[in-house]
Each structure stands twice: as structure tokens, then as C-alpha cells.
Amino acid sequence: MKTKRIIFYILFSIILFSCENKKVEIKKLSPNEYKTTIKKGKQKKMIHFWASYCQPCIEEFPELIEYCNNEKILLINISSDKSDSKMQENMEKIMLRLKIKNSYIINFNSLYPNGTKNVNLQEDFCKKAGIKNWGNPYYILVDEKGNTIKESSELKKIKN
């Protein structure tokens, strides 16, 4: 009986641990929260706009993660998928597959408090956040104070 209990606890621990590792963290982000986020901390940050339906975004993720790790740059992913929708569910699946631990998603309700049917989520978010250019993928390298160093839709231009 004691052996069965031990085996049960071991299996339970393995299952619990494997489930924990498969979680991703997705936080909703408003334009005002974005402005605060890029100024936090004392290191360079890479702001990465992406979407689960954007093939170049998905293809460049491994290279982007490696670059940020090697250069000790904090990677801040912001998805233009619609929050609280099937798009967010698809985003979570892609994050799990690519082993992306966290991403922000544009907070639809804070951007459109009265609701709307005609939206350009990323464009509206960027305009309110004071970002001049955008796209998927789009990269903005900022210094420790949140000032833009470089920005481009091409990762290779950021890296050079």
C-alpha cells in the first residue's frame, strides 16, 4: 500500500510539473500601460509586435529570442490578436509550440470602451501609445529610459 501511494505521488508530481511548464502568460495591455512598461527597469528592451496569423512573425521568433538573450535585451512581445477571442486561443497554442513564455495582447475593451465593429486594433493602439510606425512583425529597440534606438519591420536591420 505504501509503495502504491509513493508511485501515485511521483506520477502526480510529474503530471503537475509537466502541466506547469506548458502554461503561457498573456497579459492585456492598454496604450497607457505600454508607455509605463517601456520605461520600467534599467536595461534595453525589444518591443516586438506580432500576431498568431503572421507567418514571418512566427518564423523569426527563435532568432529574435536568441538575439535578445545573447545581447541581454528584455523582450516584450505584443500581439495584435484580439483579446478574449478564438485569436487569443490560437496565440496560446503558437506560444506553447514555440516555447514563448509570455506576451502582451492589446486590451480590446480598454481601447474601445464603447465597443466598435470597425477596428484596426494595432493601428489604433499604436496611435494612442505614441508609436509612429507599426506592422507585423515590427521591432522597436529602446534604451533603458524608453527612448527609441532603432525600429524596423526587419529583424536583420535591428541586429546590424
N, C-alpha and C. Protein backbone atom coordinates (compact mmCIF):
# COMPACT_ATOMS: atom_id res chain seq x y z
N MET A 1 0.83 -1.19 0.00
CA MET A 1 0.00 0.00 0.00
C MET A 1 0.87 1.26 0.00
N LYS A 2 1.93 1.25 0.77
CA LYS A 2 2.82 2.38 0.86
C LYS A 2 3.51 2.62 -0.48
N THR A 3 3.86 1.56 -1.17
CA THR A 3 4.51 1.66 -2.48
C THR A 3 3.56 2.30 -3.49
N LYS A 4 2.30 1.89 -3.48
CA LYS A 4 1.31 2.47 -4.39
C LYS A 4 1.14 3.96 -4.14
N ARG A 5 1.15 4.35 -2.90
CA ARG A 5 0.99 5.75 -2.53
C ARG A 5 2.19 6.56 -3.03
N ILE A 6 3.37 6.02 -2.88
CA ILE A 6 4.58 6.70 -3.34
C ILE A 6 4.54 6.85 -4.86
N ILE A 7 4.17 5.78 -5.54
CA ILE A 7 4.09 5.84 -7.01
C ILE A 7 3.05 6.87 -7.43
N PHE A 8 1.92 6.90 -6.73
CA PHE A 8 0.88 7.88 -7.02
C PHE A 8 1.41 9.30 -6.88
N TYR A 9 2.12 9.59 -5.81
CA TYR A 9 2.66 10.93 -5.59
C TYR A 9 3.71 11.30 -6.63
N ILE A 10 4.52 10.33 -7.03
CA ILE A 10 5.53 10.59 -8.05
C ILE A 10 4.85 10.91 -9.38
N LEU A 11 3.88 10.09 -9.77
CA LEU A 11 3.16 10.35 -11.02
C LEU A 11 2.40 11.67 -10.97
N PHE A 12 1.77 11.94 -9.85
CA PHE A 12 1.05 13.21 -9.69
C PHE A 12 2.00 14.39 -9.83
N SER A 13 3.18 14.30 -9.24
CA SER A 13 4.17 15.37 -9.31
C SER A 13 4.65 15.57 -10.74
N ILE A 14 4.87 14.48 -11.45
CA ILE A 14 5.32 14.57 -12.84
C ILE A 14 4.26 15.25 -13.70
N ILE A 15 3.02 14.83 -13.52
CA ILE A 15 1.92 15.43 -14.29
C ILE A 15 1.77 16.90 -13.95
N LEU A 16 1.82 17.23 -12.69
CA LEU A 16 1.69 18.62 -12.25
C LEU A 16 2.82 19.47 -12.82
N PHE A 17 4.06 18.96 -12.75
CA PHE A 17 5.21 19.68 -13.26
C PHE A 17 5.11 19.88 -14.76
N SER A 18 4.72 18.86 -15.50
CA SER A 18 4.63 18.98 -16.96
C SER A 18 3.52 19.95 -17.36
N CYS A 19 2.44 19.99 -16.62
CA CYS A 19 1.37 20.94 -16.92
C CYS A 19 1.80 22.36 -16.62
N GLU A 20 2.55 22.55 -15.56
CA GLU A 20 3.02 23.87 -15.19
C GLU A 20 3.92 24.44 -16.27
N ASN A 21 4.77 23.61 -16.85
CA ASN A 21 5.70 24.07 -17.87
C ASN A 21 5.00 24.42 -19.17
N LYS A 22 3.78 23.98 -19.34
CA LYS A 22 3.06 24.24 -20.57
C LYS A 22 2.19 25.48 -20.49
N LYS A 23 2.26 26.20 -19.42
CA LYS A 23 1.47 27.41 -19.27
C LYS A 23 2.18 28.58 -19.95
N VAL A 24 1.39 29.45 -20.50
CA VAL A 24 1.92 30.70 -21.03
C VAL A 24 1.23 31.84 -20.29
N GLU A 25 1.91 32.94 -20.22
CA GLU A 25 1.34 34.10 -19.53
C GLU A 25 0.99 35.16 -20.58
N ILE A 26 -0.27 35.51 -20.62
CA ILE A 26 -0.74 36.54 -21.53
C ILE A 26 -1.41 37.63 -20.70
N LYS A 27 -0.88 38.84 -20.81
CA LYS A 27 -1.46 39.96 -20.07
C LYS A 27 -2.02 40.96 -21.07
N LYS A 28 -3.16 41.52 -20.73
CA LYS A 28 -3.75 42.56 -21.57
C LYS A 28 -2.99 43.86 -21.35
N LEU A 29 -2.85 44.63 -22.44
CA LEU A 29 -2.07 45.86 -22.39
C LEU A 29 -2.84 47.00 -23.04
N SER A 30 -2.92 48.11 -22.32
CA SER A 30 -3.54 49.32 -22.86
C SER A 30 -2.42 50.25 -23.34
N PRO A 31 -2.72 51.26 -24.14
CA PRO A 31 -1.68 52.21 -24.57
C PRO A 31 -0.97 52.89 -23.40
N ASN A 32 -1.69 53.25 -22.36
CA ASN A 32 -1.06 53.90 -21.20
C ASN A 32 -0.12 52.94 -20.47
N GLU A 33 -0.54 51.68 -20.34
CA GLU A 33 0.32 50.68 -19.69
C GLU A 33 1.58 50.44 -20.52
N TYR A 34 1.46 50.52 -21.84
CA TYR A 34 2.63 50.37 -22.71
C TYR A 34 3.66 51.45 -22.39
N LYS A 35 3.20 52.69 -22.30
CA LYS A 35 4.12 53.81 -22.04
C LYS A 35 4.87 53.60 -20.73
N THR A 36 4.19 53.08 -19.72
CA THR A 36 4.83 52.81 -18.43
C THR A 36 5.79 51.63 -18.52
N THR A 37 5.40 50.59 -19.24
CA THR A 37 6.19 49.36 -19.35
C THR A 37 7.55 49.61 -19.99
N ILE A 38 7.60 50.42 -21.04
CA ILE A 38 8.88 50.60 -21.72
C ILE A 38 9.87 51.45 -20.91
N LYS A 39 9.37 52.16 -19.91
CA LYS A 39 10.26 52.97 -19.08
C LYS A 39 10.70 52.25 -17.81
N LYS A 40 10.10 51.09 -17.52
CA LYS A 40 10.46 50.32 -16.32
C LYS A 40 11.80 49.63 -16.51
N GLY A 41 12.52 49.47 -15.41
CA GLY A 41 13.75 48.69 -15.44
C GLY A 41 14.93 49.48 -15.96
N LYS A 42 16.08 48.83 -15.89
CA LYS A 42 17.32 49.51 -16.28
C LYS A 42 18.07 48.70 -17.31
N GLN A 43 17.36 48.28 -18.36
CA GLN A 43 18.03 47.57 -19.43
C GLN A 43 17.33 47.88 -20.75
N LYS A 44 18.04 47.60 -21.84
CA LYS A 44 17.44 47.78 -23.15
C LYS A 44 16.28 46.81 -23.30
N LYS A 45 15.32 47.23 -24.15
CA LYS A 45 14.14 46.40 -24.39
C LYS A 45 13.90 46.31 -25.89
N MET A 46 13.43 45.14 -26.30
CA MET A 46 12.99 44.96 -27.67
C MET A 46 11.48 44.83 -27.64
N ILE A 47 10.79 45.79 -28.23
CA ILE A 47 9.34 45.73 -28.35
C ILE A 47 9.07 44.98 -29.65
N HIS A 48 8.34 43.91 -29.55
CA HIS A 48 8.09 43.06 -30.72
C HIS A 48 6.60 42.93 -30.95
N PHE A 49 6.11 43.56 -32.03
CA PHE A 49 4.72 43.40 -32.41
C PHE A 49 4.61 42.17 -33.29
N TRP A 50 3.64 41.34 -32.98
CA TRP A 50 3.44 40.10 -33.72
C TRP A 50 1.98 39.71 -33.69
N ALA A 51 1.64 38.66 -34.43
CA ALA A 51 0.28 38.11 -34.41
C ALA A 51 0.36 36.63 -34.72
N SER A 52 -0.59 35.89 -34.21
CA SER A 52 -0.58 34.44 -34.41
C SER A 52 -0.84 34.05 -35.86
N TYR A 53 -1.40 34.95 -36.64
CA TYR A 53 -1.69 34.68 -38.04
C TYR A 53 -0.59 35.19 -38.98
N CYS A 54 0.49 35.72 -38.42
CA CYS A 54 1.59 36.30 -39.19
C CYS A 54 2.74 35.29 -39.31
N GLN A 55 2.89 34.71 -40.49
CA GLN A 55 3.91 33.69 -40.70
C GLN A 55 5.33 34.21 -40.47
N PRO A 56 5.72 35.40 -41.00
CA PRO A 56 7.07 35.90 -40.72
C PRO A 56 7.33 36.11 -39.22
N CYS A 57 6.29 36.53 -38.49
CA CYS A 57 6.42 36.71 -37.04
C CYS A 57 6.82 35.40 -36.38
N ILE A 58 6.12 34.35 -36.75
CA ILE A 58 6.33 33.03 -36.15
C ILE A 58 7.69 32.48 -36.55
N GLU A 59 8.06 32.65 -37.81
CA GLU A 59 9.34 32.13 -38.30
C GLU A 59 10.54 32.82 -37.63
N GLU A 60 10.41 34.11 -37.32
CA GLU A 60 11.53 34.86 -36.75
C GLU A 60 11.65 34.75 -35.23
N PHE A 61 10.65 34.19 -34.57
CA PHE A 61 10.68 34.12 -33.11
C PHE A 61 11.95 33.47 -32.56
N PRO A 62 12.35 32.29 -33.02
CA PRO A 62 13.56 31.67 -32.44
C PRO A 62 14.81 32.55 -32.57
N GLU A 63 14.98 33.17 -33.73
CA GLU A 63 16.13 34.06 -33.94
C GLU A 63 16.05 35.29 -33.03
N LEU A 64 14.85 35.83 -32.88
CA LEU A 64 14.64 37.00 -32.03
C LEU A 64 14.96 36.68 -30.57
N ILE A 65 14.47 35.55 -30.10
CA ILE A 65 14.72 35.15 -28.71
C ILE A 65 16.22 34.95 -28.48
N GLU A 66 16.88 34.29 -29.40
CA GLU A 66 18.32 34.06 -29.28
C GLU A 66 19.08 35.39 -29.26
N TYR A 67 18.73 36.30 -30.16
CA TYR A 67 19.38 37.61 -30.21
C TYR A 67 19.21 38.37 -28.89
N CYS A 68 17.99 38.42 -28.40
CA CYS A 68 17.72 39.15 -27.15
C CYS A 68 18.46 38.52 -25.97
N ASN A 69 18.50 37.20 -25.91
CA ASN A 69 19.23 36.51 -24.84
C ASN A 69 20.72 36.81 -24.91
N ASN A 70 21.30 36.74 -26.11
CA ASN A 70 22.74 36.98 -26.28
C ASN A 70 23.13 38.42 -25.95
N GLU A 71 22.26 39.36 -26.29
CA GLU A 71 22.56 40.78 -26.08
C GLU A 71 22.04 41.31 -24.74
N LYS A 72 21.42 40.43 -23.96
CA LYS A 72 20.84 40.81 -22.66
C LYS A 72 19.82 41.94 -22.81
N ILE A 73 18.93 41.75 -23.77
CA ILE A 73 17.86 42.69 -24.06
C ILE A 73 16.55 42.05 -23.58
N LEU A 74 15.75 42.80 -22.86
CA LEU A 74 14.46 42.31 -22.40
C LEU A 74 13.48 42.31 -23.58
N LEU A 75 12.92 41.16 -23.87
CA LEU A 75 11.98 41.02 -24.97
C LEU A 75 10.55 41.24 -24.47
N ILE A 76 9.87 42.19 -25.09
CA ILE A 76 8.48 42.49 -24.75
C ILE A 76 7.64 42.23 -26.00
N ASN A 77 6.92 41.12 -25.99
CA ASN A 77 6.07 40.73 -27.12
C ASN A 77 4.69 41.35 -26.94
N ILE A 78 4.17 41.93 -28.03
CA ILE A 78 2.83 42.49 -28.01
C ILE A 78 2.08 41.94 -29.22
N SER A 79 1.06 41.17 -28.95
CA SER A 79 0.28 40.56 -30.02
C SER A 79 -0.88 41.47 -30.42
N SER A 80 -1.12 41.53 -31.72
CA SER A 80 -2.28 42.28 -32.20
C SER A 80 -3.49 41.37 -32.42
N ASP A 81 -3.40 40.13 -31.90
CA ASP A 81 -4.57 39.26 -31.90
C ASP A 81 -5.64 39.90 -31.01
N LYS A 82 -6.88 39.62 -31.29
CA LYS A 82 -7.96 40.18 -30.49
C LYS A 82 -8.07 39.42 -29.17
N SER A 83 -8.04 40.14 -28.06
CA SER A 83 -8.13 39.50 -26.74
C SER A 83 -9.53 38.91 -26.54
N ASP A 84 -9.59 37.89 -25.70
CA ASP A 84 -10.86 37.22 -25.37
C ASP A 84 -11.58 36.70 -26.61
N SER A 85 -10.82 36.05 -27.47
CA SER A 85 -11.43 35.54 -28.70
C SER A 85 -10.71 34.25 -29.12
N LYS A 86 -11.17 33.68 -30.22
CA LYS A 86 -10.50 32.49 -30.79
C LYS A 86 -9.07 32.84 -31.17
N MET A 87 -8.84 34.09 -31.53
CA MET A 87 -7.48 34.52 -31.89
C MET A 87 -6.54 34.34 -30.70
N GLN A 88 -7.00 34.68 -29.50
CA GLN A 88 -6.16 34.53 -28.32
C GLN A 88 -5.89 33.05 -28.06
N GLU A 89 -6.86 32.20 -28.28
CA GLU A 89 -6.65 30.76 -28.11
C GLU A 89 -5.59 30.25 -29.08
N ASN A 90 -5.64 30.71 -30.33
CA ASN A 90 -4.64 30.33 -31.33
C ASN A 90 -3.26 30.84 -30.92
N MET A 91 -3.23 32.05 -30.41
CA MET A 91 -1.98 32.65 -29.93
C MET A 91 -1.35 31.79 -28.84
N GLU A 92 -2.14 31.32 -27.90
CA GLU A 92 -1.63 30.47 -26.82
C GLU A 92 -1.02 29.18 -27.37
N LYS A 93 -1.67 28.57 -28.36
CA LYS A 93 -1.15 27.35 -28.97
C LYS A 93 0.20 27.60 -29.63
N ILE A 94 0.32 28.69 -30.33
CA ILE A 94 1.58 29.02 -31.00
C ILE A 94 2.66 29.31 -29.97
N MET A 95 2.32 30.01 -28.92
CA MET A 95 3.30 30.30 -27.86
C MET A 95 3.81 29.01 -27.24
N LEU A 96 2.92 28.07 -26.99
CA LEU A 96 3.34 26.78 -26.43
C LEU A 96 4.28 26.05 -27.39
N ARG A 97 3.92 26.03 -28.66
CA ARG A 97 4.73 25.33 -29.66
C ARG A 97 6.12 25.95 -29.78
N LEU A 98 6.20 27.28 -29.71
CA LEU A 98 7.48 27.97 -29.86
C LEU A 98 8.21 28.18 -28.53
N LYS A 99 7.59 27.74 -27.44
CA LYS A 99 8.15 27.90 -26.10
C LYS A 99 8.34 29.37 -25.72
N ILE A 100 7.34 30.16 -26.07
CA ILE A 100 7.32 31.57 -25.71
C ILE A 100 6.57 31.66 -24.39
N LYS A 101 7.22 32.16 -23.37
CA LYS A 101 6.63 32.13 -22.03
C LYS A 101 5.59 33.21 -21.79
N ASN A 102 5.79 34.39 -22.40
CA ASN A 102 4.85 35.45 -22.11
C ASN A 102 4.69 36.41 -23.29
N SER A 103 3.57 37.04 -23.31
CA SER A 103 3.27 38.05 -24.32
C SER A 103 2.15 38.93 -23.79
N TYR A 104 2.18 40.15 -24.25
CA TYR A 104 1.04 41.03 -24.02
C TYR A 104 0.09 40.86 -25.20
N ILE A 105 -1.15 41.17 -24.96
CA ILE A 105 -2.14 41.22 -26.02
C ILE A 105 -2.88 42.54 -25.84
N ILE A 106 -3.14 43.21 -26.95
CA ILE A 106 -3.78 44.52 -26.87
C ILE A 106 -5.17 44.36 -26.24
N ASN A 107 -5.42 45.16 -25.23
CA ASN A 107 -6.68 45.10 -24.50
C ASN A 107 -7.77 45.79 -25.31
N PHE A 108 -8.56 44.98 -25.99
CA PHE A 108 -9.62 45.47 -26.86
C PHE A 108 -10.59 46.37 -26.09
N ASN A 109 -11.00 45.95 -24.92
CA ASN A 109 -12.02 46.70 -24.15
C ASN A 109 -11.50 48.04 -23.65
N SER A 110 -10.21 48.14 -23.31
CA SER A 110 -9.70 49.44 -22.87
C SER A 110 -9.49 50.37 -24.06
N LEU A 111 -9.21 49.80 -25.22
CA LEU A 111 -9.00 50.61 -26.42
C LEU A 111 -10.34 51.11 -26.98
N TYR A 112 -11.35 50.27 -26.87
CA TYR A 112 -12.69 50.61 -27.37
C TYR A 112 -13.71 50.42 -26.25
N PRO A 113 -13.75 51.30 -25.27
CA PRO A 113 -14.64 51.11 -24.12
C PRO A 113 -16.13 51.09 -24.50
N ASN A 114 -16.49 51.72 -25.59
CA ASN A 114 -17.90 51.74 -26.02
C ASN A 114 -18.18 50.69 -27.09
N GLY A 115 -17.16 49.87 -27.36
CA GLY A 115 -17.32 48.84 -28.39
C GLY A 115 -17.25 49.43 -29.78
N THR A 116 -16.97 48.60 -30.74
CA THR A 116 -16.93 49.02 -32.13
C THR A 116 -16.84 47.78 -33.01
N LYS A 117 -17.28 47.91 -34.24
CA LYS A 117 -17.18 46.79 -35.17
C LYS A 117 -16.04 47.01 -36.16
N ASN A 118 -15.78 48.25 -36.50
CA ASN A 118 -14.73 48.57 -37.47
C ASN A 118 -13.47 48.96 -36.73
N VAL A 119 -12.52 48.03 -36.67
CA VAL A 119 -11.31 48.31 -35.91
C VAL A 119 -10.07 47.99 -36.72
N ASN A 120 -9.04 48.73 -36.42
CA ASN A 120 -7.68 48.37 -36.81
C ASN A 120 -6.92 48.38 -35.50
N LEU A 121 -6.98 47.28 -34.81
CA LEU A 121 -6.53 47.17 -33.43
C LEU A 121 -5.11 47.69 -33.24
N GLN A 122 -4.18 47.20 -34.03
CA GLN A 122 -2.79 47.59 -33.85
C GLN A 122 -2.58 49.07 -34.18
N GLU A 123 -3.17 49.53 -35.26
CA GLU A 123 -3.02 50.94 -35.63
C GLU A 123 -3.57 51.86 -34.55
N ASP A 124 -4.76 51.56 -34.06
CA ASP A 124 -5.37 52.39 -33.02
C ASP A 124 -4.55 52.36 -31.74
N PHE A 125 -4.06 51.18 -31.37
CA PHE A 125 -3.22 51.05 -30.18
C PHE A 125 -1.96 51.90 -30.33
N CYS A 126 -1.28 51.75 -31.46
CA CYS A 126 -0.02 52.47 -31.67
C CYS A 126 -0.21 53.98 -31.68
N LYS A 127 -1.26 54.44 -32.31
CA LYS A 127 -1.51 55.89 -32.32
C LYS A 127 -1.71 56.41 -30.90
N LYS A 128 -2.49 55.70 -30.10
CA LYS A 128 -2.74 56.15 -28.72
C LYS A 128 -1.51 56.01 -27.83
N ALA A 129 -0.61 55.06 -28.17
CA ALA A 129 0.61 54.86 -27.39
C ALA A 129 1.75 55.76 -27.86
N GLY A 130 1.54 56.50 -28.94
CA GLY A 130 2.57 57.40 -29.46
C GLY A 130 3.61 56.71 -30.32
N ILE A 131 3.26 55.58 -30.90
CA ILE A 131 4.17 54.83 -31.77
C ILE A 131 3.85 55.23 -33.21
N LYS A 132 4.89 55.71 -33.94
CA LYS A 132 4.65 56.25 -35.28
C LYS A 132 4.46 55.19 -36.34
N ASN A 133 5.20 54.09 -36.25
CA ASN A 133 5.14 53.04 -37.26
C ASN A 133 4.76 51.72 -36.60
N TRP A 134 4.18 50.83 -37.37
CA TRP A 134 3.76 49.54 -36.83
C TRP A 134 3.60 48.55 -37.96
N GLY A 135 3.39 47.32 -37.59
CA GLY A 135 3.17 46.24 -38.53
C GLY A 135 3.38 44.92 -37.81
N ASN A 136 3.29 43.85 -38.56
CA ASN A 136 3.57 42.52 -38.02
C ASN A 136 4.48 41.80 -38.99
N PRO A 137 5.67 41.46 -38.61
CA PRO A 137 6.31 41.81 -37.35
C PRO A 137 6.82 43.25 -37.39
N TYR A 138 7.01 43.82 -36.24
CA TYR A 138 7.63 45.14 -36.12
C TYR A 138 8.43 45.16 -34.84
N TYR A 139 9.65 45.71 -34.94
CA TYR A 139 10.59 45.69 -33.82
C TYR A 139 10.98 47.12 -33.46
N ILE A 140 10.95 47.41 -32.17
CA ILE A 140 11.41 48.71 -31.66
C ILE A 140 12.40 48.43 -30.54
N LEU A 141 13.63 48.82 -30.75
CA LEU A 141 14.68 48.68 -29.73
C LEU A 141 14.73 49.97 -28.95
N VAL A 142 14.54 49.89 -27.63
CA VAL A 142 14.55 51.09 -26.80
C VAL A 142 15.64 50.99 -25.74
N ASP A 143 16.15 52.15 -25.34
CA ASP A 143 17.19 52.17 -24.30
C ASP A 143 16.57 52.03 -22.92
N GLU A 144 17.40 52.16 -21.91
CA GLU A 144 16.98 51.97 -20.53
C GLU A 144 15.91 52.95 -20.08
N LYS A 145 15.85 54.11 -20.74
CA LYS A 145 14.88 55.14 -20.36
C LYS A 145 13.61 55.09 -21.21
N GLY A 146 13.58 54.16 -22.17
CA GLY A 146 12.40 54.03 -23.03
C GLY A 146 12.48 54.82 -24.32
N ASN A 147 13.66 55.37 -24.62
CA ASN A 147 13.83 56.12 -25.87
C ASN A 147 14.16 55.16 -27.01
N THR A 148 13.59 55.41 -28.17
CA THR A 148 13.81 54.55 -29.32
C THR A 148 15.23 54.67 -29.84
N ILE A 149 15.88 53.51 -30.01
CA ILE A 149 17.22 53.45 -30.60
C ILE A 149 17.10 53.15 -32.10
N LYS A 150 16.34 52.10 -32.41
CA LYS A 150 16.12 51.65 -33.79
C LYS A 150 14.73 51.05 -33.88
N GLU A 151 14.18 51.08 -35.08
CA GLU A 151 12.93 50.37 -35.30
C GLU A 151 12.86 49.94 -36.76
N SER A 152 12.23 48.80 -36.98
CA SER A 152 12.13 48.26 -38.34
C SER A 152 11.15 47.10 -38.37
N SER A 153 10.68 46.80 -39.58
CA SER A 153 9.86 45.61 -39.76
C SER A 153 10.75 44.39 -40.05
N GLU A 154 12.07 44.64 -40.14
CA GLU A 154 13.01 43.57 -40.42
C GLU A 154 13.96 43.38 -39.24
N LEU A 155 14.00 42.17 -38.73
CA LEU A 155 14.87 41.86 -37.60
C LEU A 155 16.34 42.07 -37.94
N LYS A 156 16.74 41.74 -39.16
CA LYS A 156 18.15 41.87 -39.55
C LYS A 156 18.60 43.34 -39.49
N LYS A 157 17.71 44.28 -39.75
CA LYS A 157 18.08 45.71 -39.68
C LYS A 157 18.28 46.13 -38.22
N ILE A 158 17.55 45.54 -37.31
CA ILE A 158 17.71 45.84 -35.89
C ILE A 158 19.03 45.27 -35.39
N LYS A 159 19.35 44.05 -35.84
CA LYS A 159 20.55 43.37 -35.37
C LYS A 159 21.84 44.02 -35.88
N ASN A 160 21.80 44.66 -37.05
CA ASN A 160 23.02 45.26 -37.63
C ASN A 160 23.33 46.59 -36.99
